Protein backbone atom coordinates (compact mmCIF):
# COMPACT_ATOMS: atom_id res chain seq x y z
CA MET A 1 -2.37 20.51 -3.51
CA PRO A 2 -3.07 20.73 0.25
CA GLN A 3 -0.48 19.40 2.71
CA PRO A 4 -2.03 16.00 3.63
CA GLU A 5 -2.49 15.06 -0.03
CA ARG A 6 1.10 16.02 -0.82
CA VAL A 7 2.35 13.94 2.09
CA ASN A 8 0.16 11.00 1.01
CA GLU A 9 1.55 11.16 -2.53
CA LEU A 10 5.14 11.60 -1.32
CA ILE A 11 4.89 8.57 0.96
CA LYS A 12 3.11 6.49 -1.70
CA ARG A 13 5.75 7.21 -4.32
CA ASN A 14 8.65 6.53 -1.96
CA ILE A 15 7.17 3.38 -0.40
CA ALA A 16 6.42 1.95 -3.86
CA ASP A 17 10.03 2.59 -4.84
CA LEU A 18 11.34 1.02 -1.62
CA ILE A 19 9.17 -2.07 -2.08
CA ASN A 20 10.58 -2.53 -5.58
CA ARG A 21 14.19 -2.05 -4.44
CA GLU A 22 14.29 -3.57 -0.95
CA ILE A 23 11.80 -6.45 -0.99
CA PHE A 24 12.28 -9.74 -2.76
CA PHE A 25 8.79 -11.16 -3.17
CA LYS A 26 9.15 -14.43 -5.03
CA ASP A 27 6.35 -15.32 -7.47
CA GLY A 28 4.30 -12.24 -6.61
CA LEU A 29 3.75 -8.56 -7.15
CA ILE A 30 3.04 -5.89 -4.54
CA THR A 31 1.67 -2.50 -5.57
CA VAL A 32 0.76 0.47 -3.40
CA SER A 33 -2.86 1.44 -4.08
CA PHE A 34 -3.11 4.46 -1.83
CA VAL A 35 -1.78 6.13 1.29
CA ASP A 36 -4.05 7.96 3.71
CA CYS A 37 -2.33 9.90 6.51
CA SER A 38 -4.15 10.96 9.64
CA PRO A 39 -4.75 14.74 9.93
CA ASP A 40 -1.98 15.04 12.54
CA LEU A 41 0.36 12.95 10.31
CA THR A 42 1.11 10.44 13.08
CA ARG A 43 -0.29 7.42 11.21
CA ALA A 44 -0.40 6.41 7.56
CA LYS A 45 -2.76 3.75 6.26
CA ILE A 46 -0.96 2.14 3.33
CA ALA A 47 -3.17 -0.02 1.13
CA ILE A 48 -1.50 -2.59 -1.07
CA SER A 49 -2.71 -4.99 -3.70
CA VAL A 50 -0.99 -8.32 -4.10
CA LEU A 51 -0.94 -10.66 -7.06
CA PRO A 52 -1.62 -13.51 -6.71
CA ALA A 53 -4.13 -12.70 -3.98
CA ASN A 54 -3.34 -15.85 -1.99
CA LEU A 55 0.05 -14.30 -1.09
CA ALA A 56 -1.52 -11.24 0.56
CA GLY A 57 -0.90 -12.45 4.12
CA THR A 58 2.74 -13.18 3.35
CA ALA A 59 3.16 -9.75 1.76
CA LEU A 60 1.67 -8.00 4.81
CA LYS A 61 3.99 -9.91 7.13
CA ILE A 62 7.04 -8.95 5.04
CA LEU A 63 6.03 -5.28 4.81
CA ARG A 64 5.28 -5.01 8.52
CA GLY A 65 8.73 -6.46 9.19
CA HIS A 66 10.33 -3.81 6.95
CA SER A 67 8.41 -0.82 8.40
CA SER A 68 11.27 0.41 10.58
CA LEU A 69 13.72 0.18 7.66
CA PHE A 70 11.30 2.11 5.44
CA THR A 71 10.89 4.76 8.15
CA LYS A 72 14.64 5.17 8.51
CA ILE A 73 15.13 5.50 4.72
CA LEU A 74 12.23 7.96 4.37
CA LYS A 75 13.69 10.15 7.13
CA LYS A 76 16.91 10.43 5.14
CA LYS A 77 15.27 10.70 1.71
CA THR A 78 12.49 13.22 2.39
CA LEU A 79 12.18 16.58 4.08
CA LEU A 80 9.47 15.34 6.43
CA ARG A 81 10.29 16.08 10.06
CA HIS A 82 8.19 13.19 11.29
CA ILE A 83 7.45 9.97 9.44
CA PRO A 84 4.01 8.56 10.32
CA LYS A 85 3.63 5.05 11.75
CA PHE A 86 2.59 2.69 8.96
CA ASP A 87 -0.62 0.67 9.09
CA TRP A 88 -0.49 -1.87 6.25
CA VAL A 89 -3.82 -3.10 4.81
CA ILE A 90 -4.91 -5.10 1.79
CA ASP A 91 -6.82 -3.12 -0.83
CA SER A 92 -9.59 -5.43 -1.95
CA THR A 93 -11.13 -2.98 -4.43
CA GLU A 94 -10.08 -4.97 -7.50
CA GLU A 95 -11.24 -8.23 -5.97
CA GLU A 96 -14.63 -6.73 -5.09
CA ALA A 97 -14.97 -5.26 -8.59
CA ALA A 98 -14.29 -8.70 -10.11
CA LYS A 99 -17.02 -10.24 -7.92
CA ILE A 100 -19.52 -7.56 -8.99
CA GLU A 101 -18.57 -8.05 -12.64
CA LYS A 102 -19.09 -11.80 -12.32
CA LEU A 103 -22.51 -11.27 -10.73
CA LEU A 104 -23.53 -8.87 -13.48
CA GLU A 105 -22.46 -11.41 -16.13
CA GLU A 106 -24.51 -14.10 -14.40
CA ILE A 107 -27.56 -11.83 -14.35
CA LYS A 108 -27.05 -10.94 -17.99
CA GLU A 109 -26.85 -14.63 -18.99
CA SER A 110 -30.04 -15.59 -17.17
């Protein structure tokens, strides 16, 4: 596996673990969908999915507030010399798929 993909997977696995251990997210669930690091490894786009979806904004606010803690823990836990800056985004893939499915059902019924 090439370097950027290994770094993406390493960060994804560790961030998912940190979210489960460090974040108390009442009445909701946060999962890490994917991580995409820039080629120079200075930034990492971390896509999350949140259930229920109406708590997505709250989840982003919490995660952005914990970014420096996550960076500090990752520096200690991994062999990476530099931890990229995190850009948190909502992964709307599942939501979009549900909309498409609904449209296809409506077409099928008519």
